[in-house]
C-alpha atoms as a PDB file:
ATOM      1  CA  MET A   1       0.000   0.000   0.000  1.00  0.00           C
ATOM      2  CA  GLY A   2       1.504   3.342  -1.000  1.00  0.00           C
ATOM      3  CA  LYS A   3       1.939   6.286   1.289  1.00  0.00           C
ATOM      4  CA  ASN A   4      -0.889   8.289  -0.163  1.00  0.00           C
ATOM      5  CA  ASN A   5      -3.184   5.441  -1.148  1.00  0.00           C
ATOM      6  CA  ASP A   6      -6.481   5.921   0.683  1.00  0.00           C
ATOM      7  CA  SER A   7      -7.691   2.389  -0.061  1.00  0.00           C
ATOM      8  CA  GLN A   8      -7.097  -0.320   2.518  1.00  0.00           C
ATOM      9  CA  CYS A   9      -6.426  -3.279   0.240  1.00  0.00           C
ATOM     10  CA  CYS A  10      -4.272  -5.027   2.824  1.00  0.00           C
ATOM     11  CA  GLU A  11      -6.902  -4.934   5.574  1.00  0.00           C
ATOM     12  CA  LYS A  12      -7.550  -8.425   6.985  1.00  0.00           C
ATOM     13  CA  PHE A  13      -9.982  -7.386   9.719  1.00  0.00           C
ATOM     14  CA  LYS A  14     -11.431  -4.255  11.348  1.00  0.00           C
ATOM     15  CA  SER A  15     -10.019  -3.490  14.783  1.00  0.00           C
ATOM     16  CA  LYS A  16     -11.820  -1.891  17.717  1.00  0.00           C
ATOM     17  CA  ILE A  17      -8.641  -0.056  18.665  1.00  0.00           C
ATOM     18  CA  GLY A  18      -8.820   3.671  18.082  1.00  0.00           C
ATOM     19  CA  GLY A  19      -6.581   6.555  19.001  1.00  0.00           C
ATOM     20  CA  GLN A  20      -5.945  10.244  19.261  1.00  0.00           C
ATOM     21  CA  ALA A  21      -2.920  12.398  18.539  1.00  0.00           C
ATOM     22  CA  LEU A  22      -1.632  14.278  21.581  1.00  0.00           C
ATOM     23  CA  ILE A  23       1.166  16.768  22.140  1.00  0.00           C
ATOM     24  CA  GLU A  24       4.280  14.831  21.092  1.00  0.00           C
ATOM     25  CA  GLY A  25       2.373  11.615  21.708  1.00  0.00           C
ATOM     26  CA  ILE A  26      -0.515   9.296  20.942  1.00  0.00           C
ATOM     27  CA  MET A  27      -3.295   7.736  23.009  1.00  0.00           C
ATOM     28  CA  MET A  28      -4.758   4.372  22.005  1.00  0.00           C
ATOM     29  CA  LEU A  29      -7.899   2.748  23.410  1.00  0.00           C
ATOM     30  CA  GLY A  30      -8.475  -0.987  23.038  1.00  0.00           C
ATOM     31  CA  PRO A  31     -11.137  -3.421  24.273  1.00  0.00           C
ATOM     32  CA  ASN A  32      -9.407  -4.029  27.621  1.00  0.00           C
ATOM     33  CA  LYS A  33      -6.478  -1.619  27.803  1.00  0.00           C
ATOM     34  CA  GLY A  34      -5.716   2.007  27.083  1.00  0.00           C
ATOM     35  CA  ALA A  35      -2.236   3.474  26.588  1.00  0.00           C
ATOM     36  CA  MET A  36      -0.536   6.813  26.109  1.00  0.00           C
ATOM     37  CA  ALA A  37       2.966   7.052  24.678  1.00  0.00           C
ATOM     38  CA  CYS A  38       4.835  10.362  24.592  1.00  0.00           C
ATOM     39  CA  ARG A  39       8.232  11.472  23.371  1.00  0.00           C
ATOM     40  CA  LEU A  40       9.913  13.216  26.296  1.00  0.00           C
ATOM     41  CA  PRO A  41      12.228  16.223  25.846  1.00  0.00           C
ATOM     42  CA  ASP A  42      15.256  13.930  26.413  1.00  0.00           C
ATOM     43  CA  GLY A  43      14.180  11.742  23.475  1.00  0.00           C
ATOM     44  CA  SER A  44      12.984   8.751  25.505  1.00  0.00           C
ATOM     45  CA  ILE A  45       9.475   7.251  25.277  1.00  0.00           C
ATOM     46  CA  ASP A  46       7.165   7.535  28.277  1.00  0.00           C
ATOM     47  CA  LEU A  47       4.351   4.934  28.361  1.00  0.00           C
ATOM     48  CA  GLU A  48       1.263   4.882  30.583  1.00  0.00           C
ATOM     49  CA  THR A  49      -1.363   2.112  30.518  1.00  0.00           C
ATOM     50  CA  TRP A  50      -4.711   1.639  32.207  1.00  0.00           C
ATOM     51  CA  ASP A  51      -7.682  -0.728  32.181  1.00  0.00           C
ATOM     52  CA  GLU A  52     -10.592  -0.269  29.769  1.00  0.00           C
ATOM     53  CA  ASN A  53     -13.953  -2.041  29.520  1.00  0.00           C
ATOM     54  CA  ASN A  54     -14.916  -1.914  25.852  1.00  0.00           C
ATOM     55  CA  GLY A  55     -14.913  -5.636  25.138  1.00  0.00           C
ATOM     56  CA  LYS A  56     -17.468  -8.406  25.482  1.00  0.00           C
ATOM     57  CA  ASN A  57     -18.143  -7.495  29.120  1.00  0.00           C
ATOM     58  CA  ALA A  58     -18.783  -3.824  28.392  1.00  0.00           C
ATOM     59  CA  PRO A  59     -21.880  -2.317  30.112  1.00  0.00           C
ATOM     60  CA  TRP A  60     -25.187  -2.073  28.236  1.00  0.00           C
ATOM     61  CA  TYR A  61     -24.808   1.631  27.444  1.00  0.00           C
ATOM     62  CA  LYS A  62     -21.694   0.868  25.397  1.00  0.00           C
ATOM     63  CA  LYS A  63     -23.589  -1.705  23.331  1.00  0.00           C
ATOM     64  CA  THR A  64     -27.063  -0.164  22.822  1.00  0.00           C
ATOM     65  CA  PRO A  65     -27.508   1.510  19.398  1.00  0.00           C
ATOM     66  CA  ILE A  66     -27.772   5.325  19.464  1.00  0.00           C
ATOM     67  CA  VAL A  67     -26.974   5.382  23.218  1.00  0.00           C
ATOM     68  CA  ARG A  68     -23.498   3.936  22.645  1.00  0.00           C
ATOM     69  CA  GLY A  69     -22.693   6.743  20.232  1.00  0.00           C
ATOM     70  CA  CYS A  70     -23.487   9.453  22.786  1.00  0.00           C
ATOM     71  CA  VAL A  71     -21.573   7.617  25.519  1.00  0.00           C
ATOM     72  CA  SER A  72     -18.558   7.022  23.272  1.00  0.00           C
ATOM     73  CA  PHE A  73     -18.509  10.682  22.241  1.00  0.00           C
ATOM     74  CA  VAL A  74     -18.540  11.932  25.855  1.00  0.00           C
ATOM     75  CA  ILE A  75     -15.914   9.389  26.966  1.00  0.00           C
ATOM     76  CA  SER A  76     -13.729  10.211  23.972  1.00  0.00           C
ATOM     77  CA  MET A  77     -13.925  13.956  24.638  1.00  0.00           C
ATOM     78  CA  THR A  78     -13.230  13.542  28.372  1.00  0.00           C
ATOM     79  CA  LYS A  79     -10.317  11.153  27.989  1.00  0.00           C
ATOM     80  CA  GLY A  80      -8.962  13.034  25.011  1.00  0.00           C
ATOM     81  CA  TYR A  81      -8.727  16.256  26.986  1.00  0.00           C
ATOM     82  CA  LYS A  82      -7.364  14.504  30.102  1.00  0.00           C
ATOM     83  CA  TYR A  83      -4.502  12.889  28.214  1.00  0.00           C
ATOM     84  CA  MET A  84      -3.906  15.954  26.083  1.00  0.00           C
ATOM     85  CA  MET A  85      -3.204  17.821  29.333  1.00  0.00           C
ATOM     86  CA  LYS A  86      -0.977  14.995  30.556  1.00  0.00           C
ATOM     87  CA  SER A  87       0.999  14.951  27.321  1.00  0.00           C
ATOM     88  CA  ALA A  88       1.516  18.727  27.579  1.00  0.00           C
ATOM     89  CA  GLU A  89       2.784  18.368  31.147  1.00  0.00           C
ATOM     90  CA  LYS A  90       5.329  15.774  30.024  1.00  0.00           C
ATOM     91  CA  GLN A  91       6.944  18.361  27.742  1.00  0.00           C
ATOM     92  CA  LEU A  92       7.844  20.576  30.705  1.00  0.00           C
ATOM     93  CA  THR A  93      11.386  20.636  32.064  1.00  0.00           C
ATOM     94  CA  GLU A  94      12.009  19.673  35.692  1.00  0.00           C
ATOM     95  CA  GLU A  95      12.329  23.353  36.606  1.00  0.00           C
ATOM     96  CA  GLU A  96       9.050  24.175  34.846  1.00  0.00           C
ATOM     97  CA  LYS A  97       7.333  21.254  36.591  1.00  0.00           C
ATOM     98  CA  ALA A  98       8.530  22.430  39.989  1.00  0.00           C
ATOM     99  CA  GLU A  99       7.361  25.967  39.251  1.00  0.00           C
ATOM    100  CA  GLU A 100       3.991  24.694  38.019  1.00  0.00           C
ATOM    101  CA  GLU A 101       3.484  22.547  41.141  1.00  0.00           C
ATOM    102  CA  ASN A 102       4.065  25.588  43.311  1.00  0.00           C
ATOM    103  CA  SER A 103       1.849  27.965  41.369  1.00  0.00           C
ATOM    104  CA  GLY A 104      -0.738  25.725  39.723  1.00  0.00           C
ATOM    105  CA  ILE A 105      -0.749  28.159  36.777  1.00  0.00           C
ATOM    106  CA  PHE A 106      -0.444  25.392  34.183  1.00  0.00           C
ATOM    107  CA  ASP A 107      -3.655  23.691  35.311  1.00  0.00           C
ATOM    108  CA  ILE A 108      -5.500  27.021  35.414  1.00  0.00           C
ATOM    109  CA  VAL A 109      -4.374  27.901  31.882  1.00  0.00           C
ATOM    110  CA  MET A 110      -5.354  24.464  30.561  1.00  0.00           C
ATOM    111  CA  TYR A 111      -8.846  24.610  32.085  1.00  0.00           C
ATOM    112  CA  ILE A 112      -9.371  28.139  30.774  1.00  0.00           C
ATOM    113  CA  GLY A 113      -8.250  26.863  27.370  1.00  0.00           C
ATOM    114  CA  MET A 114     -10.766  24.019  27.565  1.00  0.00           C
ATOM    115  CA  LEU A 115     -13.634  26.402  28.389  1.00  0.00           C
ATOM    116  CA  LEU A 116     -12.604  28.781  25.621  1.00  0.00           C
ATOM    117  CA  GLY A 117     -12.416  25.846  23.197  1.00  0.00           C
ATOM    118  CA  ILE A 118     -15.986  24.795  24.050  1.00  0.00           C
ATOM    119  CA  VAL A 119     -17.268  28.354  23.705  1.00  0.00           C
ATOM    120  CA  ILE A 120     -15.486  28.837  20.363  1.00  0.00           C
ATOM    121  CA  ALA A 121     -16.722  25.472  19.047  1.00  0.00           C
ATOM    122  CA  LEU A 122     -20.341  26.237  19.992  1.00  0.00           C
ATOM    123  CA  GLY A 123     -20.081  29.724  18.570  1.00  0.00           C
ATOM    124  CA  LEU A 124     -18.462  28.748  15.271  1.00  0.00           C
ATOM    125  CA  PHE A 125     -20.247  25.505  14.471  1.00  0.00           C
ATOM    126  CA  MET A 126     -23.642  25.853  16.125  1.00  0.00           C
ATOM    127  CA  PHE A 127     -24.579  29.499  16.638  1.00  0.00           C
ATOM    128  CA  LEU A 128     -22.832  31.368  13.801  1.00  0.00           C
ATOM    129  CA  PRO A 129     -24.266  29.346  10.850  1.00  0.00           C
ATOM    130  CA  LYS A 130     -27.827  29.790  12.140  1.00  0.00           C
ATOM    131  CA  ILE A 131     -27.296  33.497  12.740  1.00  0.00           C
ATOM    132  CA  ILE A 132     -25.807  34.002   9.252  1.00  0.00           C
ATOM    133  CA  ILE A 133     -28.597  32.127   7.441  1.00  0.00           C
ATOM    134  CA  GLY A 134     -31.193  33.812   9.660  1.00  0.00           C
ATOM    135  CA  LEU A 135     -30.187  37.136   8.097  1.00  0.00           C
ATOM    136  CA  ILE A 136     -31.475  36.026   4.677  1.00  0.00           C
ATOM    137  CA  SER A 137     -34.784  37.705   3.943  1.00  0.00           C
ATOM    138  CA  GLY A 138     -37.766  35.334   3.803  1.00  0.00           C
ATOM    139  CA  ILE A 139     -35.737  32.244   4.814  1.00  0.00           C
ATOM    140  CA  GLU A 140     -38.207  31.554   7.668  1.00  0.00           C
ATOM    141  CA  GLU A 141     -40.699  30.276   5.113  1.00  0.00           C
ATOM    142  CA  HIS A 142     -38.334  27.604   3.787  1.00  0.00           C
ATOM    143  CA  ARG A 143     -37.412  25.307   6.665  1.00  0.00           C
ATOM    144  CA  ILE A 144     -35.693  22.610   4.601  1.00  0.00           C
ATOM    145  CA  VAL A 145     -33.719  25.103   2.497  1.00  0.00           C
ATOM    146  CA  ARG A 146     -32.652  26.855   5.681  1.00  0.00           C
ATOM    147  CA  SER A 147     -31.450  23.594   7.257  1.00  0.00           C
ATOM    148  CA  ILE A 148     -29.420  22.736   4.157  1.00  0.00           C
ATOM    149  CA  LEU A 149     -27.840  26.206   3.998  1.00  0.00           C
ATOM    150  CA  GLU A 150     -27.001  26.119   7.719  1.00  0.00           C
ATOM    151  CA  GLY A 151     -25.325  22.760   7.202  1.00  0.00           C
ATOM    152  CA  ILE A 152     -23.315  24.007   4.234  1.00  0.00           C
ATOM    153  CA  VAL A 153     -22.093  27.031   6.214  1.00  0.00           C
ATOM    154  CA  LYS A 154     -21.094  24.709   9.098  1.00  0.00           C
ATOM    155  CA  ILE A 155     -19.086  22.508   6.756  1.00  0.00           C
ATOM    156  CA  VAL A 156     -17.364  25.500   5.132  1.00  0.00           C
ATOM    157  CA  ILE A 157     -16.431  26.936   8.552  1.00  0.00           C
ATOM    158  CA  PHE A 158     -15.172  23.540   9.756  1.00  0.00           C
ATOM    159  CA  VAL A 159     -12.986  22.928   6.695  1.00  0.00           C
ATOM    160  CA  ALA A 160     -11.628  26.492   6.749  1.00  0.00           C
ATOM    161  CA  TYR A 161     -10.854  26.268  10.482  1.00  0.00           C
ATOM    162  CA  MET A 162      -9.010  22.945  10.195  1.00  0.00           C
ATOM    163  CA  ALA A 163      -7.070  24.168   7.169  1.00  0.00           C
ATOM    164  CA  LEU A 164      -6.054  27.439   8.825  1.00  0.00           C
ATOM    165  CA  VAL A 165      -4.837  25.869  12.086  1.00  0.00           C
ATOM    166  CA  SER A 166      -2.764  23.379  10.050  1.00  0.00           C
ATOM    167  CA  PHE A 167      -0.323  26.224   9.353  1.00  0.00           C
ATOM    168  CA  MET A 168       0.548  26.336  13.069  1.00  0.00           C
ATOM    169  CA  LYS A 169       3.730  24.355  13.767  1.00  0.00           C
ATOM    170  CA  ASP A 170       2.387  22.530  16.850  1.00  0.00           C
ATOM    171  CA  ILE A 171      -0.892  21.607  15.126  1.00  0.00           C
ATOM    172  CA  ARG A 172       0.967  20.362  12.066  1.00  0.00           C
ATOM    173  CA  ARG A 173       3.003  18.054  14.313  1.00  0.00           C
ATOM    174  CA  GLN A 174      -0.237  16.767  15.835  1.00  0.00           C
ATOM    175  CA  TYR A 175      -1.515  16.067  12.330  1.00  0.00           C
ATOM    176  CA  GLU A 176       1.678  14.082  11.701  1.00  0.00           C
ATOM    177  CA  TYR A 177       1.096  12.070  14.884  1.00  0.00           C
ATOM    178  CA  HIS A 178      -2.491  11.596  13.666  1.00  0.00           C
ATOM    179  CA  GLY A 179      -1.069  10.089  10.490  1.00  0.00           C
ATOM    180  CA  ALA A 180       1.176   7.791  12.555  1.00  0.00           C
ATOM    181  CA  GLU A 181      -1.838   6.643  14.560  1.00  0.00           C
ATOM    182  CA  HIS A 182      -3.801   5.748  11.415  1.00  0.00           C
ATOM    183  CA  LYS A 183      -0.850   3.985   9.779  1.00  0.00           C
ATOM    184  CA  THR A 184      -0.209   1.876  12.878  1.00  0.00           C
ATOM    185  CA  ILE A 185      -3.862   0.823  13.143  1.00  0.00           C
ATOM    186  CA  ALA A 186      -3.809  -0.034   9.418  1.00  0.00           C
ATOM    187  CA  CYS A 187      -0.677  -2.149   9.935  1.00  0.00           C
ATOM    188  CA  HIS A 188      -2.381  -3.988  12.804  1.00  0.00           C
ATOM    189  CA  GLU A 189      -5.494  -4.550  10.669  1.00  0.00           C
ATOM    190  CA  ALA A 190      -3.277  -5.901   7.885  1.00  0.00           C
ATOM    191  CA  GLU A 191      -1.968  -8.427  10.451  1.00  0.00           C
ATOM    192  CA  LEU A 192       1.627  -7.375   9.829  1.00  0.00           C
ATOM    193  CA  PRO A 193       4.292  -7.166  12.558  1.00  0.00           C
ATOM    194  CA  LEU A 194       4.278  -3.706  14.136  1.00  0.00           C
ATOM    195  CA  THR A 195       7.611  -2.433  12.876  1.00  0.00           C
ATOM    196  CA  VAL A 196       8.483   1.057  11.694  1.00  0.00           C
ATOM    197  CA  GLU A 197       9.121  -0.282   8.192  1.00  0.00           C
ATOM    198  CA  ASN A 198       5.736  -2.030   7.958  1.00  0.00           C
ATOM    199  CA  VAL A 199       3.820   0.914   9.434  1.00  0.00           C
ATOM    200  CA  ARG A 200       5.513   3.409   7.127  1.00  0.00           C
ATOM    201  CA  LYS A 201       4.021   1.624   4.075  1.00  0.00           C
ATOM    202  CA  GLN A 202       0.412   1.947   5.264  1.00  0.00           C
ATOM    203  CA  SER A 203      -2.202   4.528   4.319  1.00  0.00           C
ATOM    204  CA  ARG A 204      -2.681   7.516   6.602  1.00  0.00           C
ATOM    205  CA  PHE A 205      -6.417   7.606   5.758  1.00  0.00           C
ATOM    206  CA  HIS A 206      -8.946   5.612   7.771  1.00  0.00           C
ATOM    207  CA  LYS A 207     -12.740   5.288   7.452  1.00  0.00           C
ATOM    208  CA  ARG A 208     -13.392   5.151  11.187  1.00  0.00           C
ATOM    209  CA  CYS A 209     -11.447   8.302  12.027  1.00  0.00           C
ATOM    210  CA  GLY A 210     -12.822  11.040  14.280  1.00  0.00           C
ATOM    211  CA  THR A 211     -12.562  13.489  11.371  1.00  0.00           C
ATOM    212  CA  SER A 212     -14.919  11.299   9.337  1.00  0.00           C
ATOM    213  CA  PHE A 213     -17.212  11.069  12.342  1.00  0.00           C
ATOM    214  CA  ILE A 214     -17.438  14.866  12.638  1.00  0.00           C
ATOM    215  CA  PHE A 215     -18.314  15.135   8.954  1.00  0.00           C
ATOM    216  CA  ILE A 216     -21.069  12.564   9.367  1.00  0.00           C
ATOM    217  CA  VAL A 217     -22.363  14.512  12.399  1.00  0.00           C
ATOM    218  CA  LEU A 218     -22.591  17.620  10.204  1.00  0.00           C
ATOM    219  CA  ILE A 219     -24.419  15.749   7.430  1.00  0.00           C
ATOM    220  CA  VAL A 220     -26.832  13.958   9.799  1.00  0.00           C
ATOM    221  CA  GLY A 221     -27.472  17.295  11.512  1.00  0.00           C
ATOM    222  CA  ILE A 222     -28.741  18.727   8.224  1.00  0.00           C
ATOM    223  CA  PHE A 223     -31.328  15.956   7.854  1.00  0.00           C
ATOM    224  CA  VAL A 224     -32.450  16.085  11.491  1.00  0.00           C
ATOM    225  CA  MET A 225     -32.839  19.870  11.456  1.00  0.00           C
ATOM    226  CA  CYS A 226     -35.055  19.596   8.366  1.00  0.00           C
ATOM    227  CA  PHE A 227     -37.734  18.181  10.677  1.00  0.00           C
ATOM    228  CA  VAL A 228     -37.468  21.005  13.228  1.00  0.00           C
ATOM    229  CA  PRO A 229     -40.539  23.240  12.748  1.00  0.00           C
ATOM    230  CA  PHE A 230     -39.034  26.329  14.415  1.00  0.00           C
ATOM    231  CA  THR A 231     -38.093  29.272  12.200  1.00  0.00           C
ATOM    232  CA  VAL A 232     -36.821  31.802  14.752  1.00  0.00           C
ATOM    233  CA  THR A 233     -33.019  31.691  15.004  1.00  0.00           C
ATOM    234  CA  TRP A 234     -32.736  31.366  18.791  1.00  0.00           C
ATOM    235  CA  GLN A 235     -35.352  28.595  18.789  1.00  0.00           C
ATOM    236  CA  ARG A 236     -33.373  26.650  16.190  1.00  0.00           C
ATOM    237  CA  ILE A 237     -30.198  27.088  18.268  1.00  0.00           C
ATOM    238  CA  VAL A 238     -31.934  25.662  21.350  1.00  0.00           C
ATOM    239  CA  ALA A 239     -33.430  22.816  19.293  1.00  0.00           C
ATOM    240  CA  SER A 240     -30.027  21.902  17.844  1.00  0.00           C
ATOM    241  CA  LEU A 241     -28.533  21.749  21.355  1.00  0.00           C
ATOM    242  CA  ILE A 242     -31.356  19.498  22.579  1.00  0.00           C
ATOM    243  CA  LEU A 243     -31.101  17.243  19.515  1.00  0.00           C
ATOM    244  CA  LEU A 244     -27.291  17.002  19.603  1.00  0.00           C
ATOM    245  CA  PRO A 245     -27.234  13.648  21.518  1.00  0.00           C
ATOM    246  CA  LEU A 246     -29.620  12.135  18.948  1.00  0.00           C
ATOM    247  CA  ILE A 247     -27.534  13.474  16.052  1.00  0.00           C
ATOM    248  CA  VAL A 248     -24.330  12.108  17.589  1.00  0.00           C
ATOM    249  CA  GLY A 249     -25.984   8.740  18.255  1.00  0.00           C
ATOM    250  CA  ILE A 250     -27.238   8.386  14.682  1.00  0.00           C
ATOM    251  CA  SER A 251     -23.863   9.504  13.315  1.00  0.00           C
ATOM    252  CA  TYR A 252     -22.074   6.843  15.348  1.00  0.00           C
ATOM    253  CA  GLU A 253     -24.282   4.149  13.852  1.00  0.00           C
ATOM    254  CA  CYS A 254     -23.560   5.567  10.376  1.00  0.00           C
ATOM    255  CA  ILE A 255     -19.792   5.425  10.875  1.00  0.00           C
ATOM    256  CA  ARG A 256     -20.115   1.838  12.155  1.00  0.00           C
ATOM    257  CA  LEU A 257     -22.055   1.029   8.997  1.00  0.00           C
ATOM    258  CA  ALA A 258     -19.426   2.706   6.831  1.00  0.00           C
ATOM    259  CA  GLY A 259     -16.676   0.862   8.670  1.00  0.00           C
ATOM    260  CA  ASN A 260     -18.326  -2.539   8.371  1.00  0.00           C
ATOM    261  CA  HIS A 261     -19.436  -2.424   4.728  1.00  0.00           C
ATOM    262  CA  ASP A 262     -17.958  -1.431   1.400  1.00  0.00           C
ATOM    263  CA  ASN A 263     -20.637  -0.429  -1.111  1.00  0.00           C
ATOM    264  CA  LEU A 264     -21.682   2.670  -3.039  1.00  0.00           C
ATOM    265  CA  PHE A 265     -23.642   4.140  -0.117  1.00  0.00           C
ATOM    266  CA  THR A 266     -20.856   3.690   2.456  1.00  0.00           C
ATOM    267  CA  ARG A 267     -18.219   4.962   0.024  1.00  0.00           C
ATOM    268  CA  VAL A 268     -20.253   8.138  -0.558  1.00  0.00           C
ATOM    269  CA  LEU A 269     -20.802   8.441   3.213  1.00  0.00           C
ATOM    270  CA  SER A 270     -17.073   8.080   3.933  1.00  0.00           C
ATOM    271  CA  ALA A 271     -15.794  10.231   1.058  1.00  0.00           C
ATOM    272  CA  PRO A 272     -15.999  13.702   2.719  1.00  0.00           C
ATOM    273  CA  GLY A 273     -14.240  12.527   5.884  1.00  0.00           C
ATOM    274  CA  LEU A 274     -11.507  10.737   3.942  1.00  0.00           C
ATOM    275  CA  ALA A 275     -10.983  13.860   1.829  1.00  0.00           C
ATOM    276  CA  MET A 276     -10.783  15.968   5.007  1.00  0.00           C
ATOM    277  CA  GLN A 277      -8.058  13.680   6.342  1.00  0.00           C
ATOM    278  CA  ARG A 278      -5.804  15.082   3.629  1.00  0.00           C
ATOM    279  CA  ILE A 279      -5.748  18.157   5.884  1.00  0.00           C
ATOM    280  CA  THR A 280      -5.933  16.578   9.358  1.00  0.00           C
ATOM    281  CA  THR A 281      -3.272  13.901   8.779  1.00  0.00           C
ATOM    282  CA  ARG A 282       0.287  14.275   7.541  1.00  0.00           C
ATOM    283  CA  GLU A 283       3.030  11.779   6.779  1.00  0.00           C
ATOM    284  CA  PRO A 284       4.868  11.113  10.070  1.00  0.00           C
ATOM    285  CA  ASP A 285       8.566  10.584  10.611  1.00  0.00           C
ATOM    286  CA  ASP A 286       9.940   7.340  12.042  1.00  0.00           C
ATOM    287  CA  SER A 287      10.156   8.703  15.594  1.00  0.00           C
ATOM    288  CA  MET A 288       6.403   9.401  15.528  1.00  0.00           C
ATOM    289  CA  ILE A 289       5.708   5.905  14.210  1.00  0.00           C
ATOM    290  CA  GLU A 290       7.707   4.505  17.144  1.00  0.00           C
ATOM    291  CA  ILE A 291       5.400   6.380  19.520  1.00  0.00           C
ATOM    292  CA  ALA A 292       2.291   5.019  17.777  1.00  0.00           C
ATOM    293  CA  ILE A 293       3.619   1.448  17.967  1.00  0.00           C
ATOM    294  CA  ALA A 294       4.439   1.857  21.660  1.00  0.00           C
ATOM    295  CA  ALA A 295       0.876   3.074  22.352  1.00  0.00           C
ATOM    296  CA  MET A 296      -0.717   0.358  20.210  1.00  0.00           C
ATOM    297  CA  LYS A 297       0.995  -2.760  21.565  1.00  0.00           C
ATOM    298  CA  PRO A 298      -0.493  -2.740  25.112  1.00  0.00           C
ATOM    299  CA  CYS A 299      -4.011  -2.285  23.658  1.00  0.00           C
ATOM    300  CA  ILE A 300      -4.006  -5.443  21.522  1.00  0.00           C
ATOM    301  CA  PRO A 301      -6.078  -8.093  23.364  1.00  0.00           C
ATOM    302  CA  ALA A 302      -4.912 -11.675  23.693  1.00  0.00           C
ATOM    303  CA  ASP A 303      -8.257 -12.852  22.302  1.00  0.00           C
ATOM    304  CA  LYS A 304      -8.456 -11.607  18.712  1.00  0.00           C
ATOM    305  CA  GLU A 305     -12.249 -12.003  18.703  1.00  0.00           C
ATOM    306  CA  GLU A 306     -12.458  -9.170  21.265  1.00  0.00           C
ATOM    307  CA  ASP A 307     -10.591  -6.897  18.870  1.00  0.00           C
ATOM    308  CA  LYS A 308     -13.021  -7.254  15.970  1.00  0.00           C
ATOM    309  CA  TRP A 309     -15.072  -4.127  15.192  1.00  0.00           C
END
């Protein structure tokens, strides 16, 4: 498989293991284990592992359609932020760590950043599109047209935002780690030994990526909002907030469908997310691949049946 080949011709099975790029590191979540590997300032690899319960003994809310999507989204966001903070802390020098422990400024800054991120995300992707389309004269009389236009504006804002932040050095490195994560999962799904050489040959594009999931959320949101009878902008904002768990739940089932089947419908469904990954993933260097392998290995269950998507 070539570096930029977005097909997965070598895939032997679909793994449950998923991951997230961190700051100079990668987190992986498997059926029974989770792991975070980070490159420390001295060049060594720091590895943390913990227990997970995503396998055959997972609780009902991780197995029930629609509900499992909402639960997975919340867990993913919570753990993602937790380990993003941890990975940032690991980049501090000993002097910076000692200073941070005494002042607590680092934690304060990170929590303020989290709150600002939530506010910006809600403003850009939920409020702003509805406000913009609400300014069009007579749009209140065309509920379906309004929903479609709001969705298009959301997608444009999302793509523009992800493209613009990719010019930031730190974000670009995260995109490279994102590519390493995808390549390592692809190598595992191809049932090849997890070596730097084998991982390097894999595709950096993956159907079950979070980027693809976000795109599906945006598309499903358009269809769901078509059924909302409200025409006043603030009412539509409130409705979209209330319906967000349903939209996320349906989107999760769609990405499972796309991941499990290969036909015209699922290829069309996956196409926007795979195209977006040309922005949100980059080709990693070998040191990044080493990190991805280190994070992946503890997450592979002894029973292969538990690892099947």
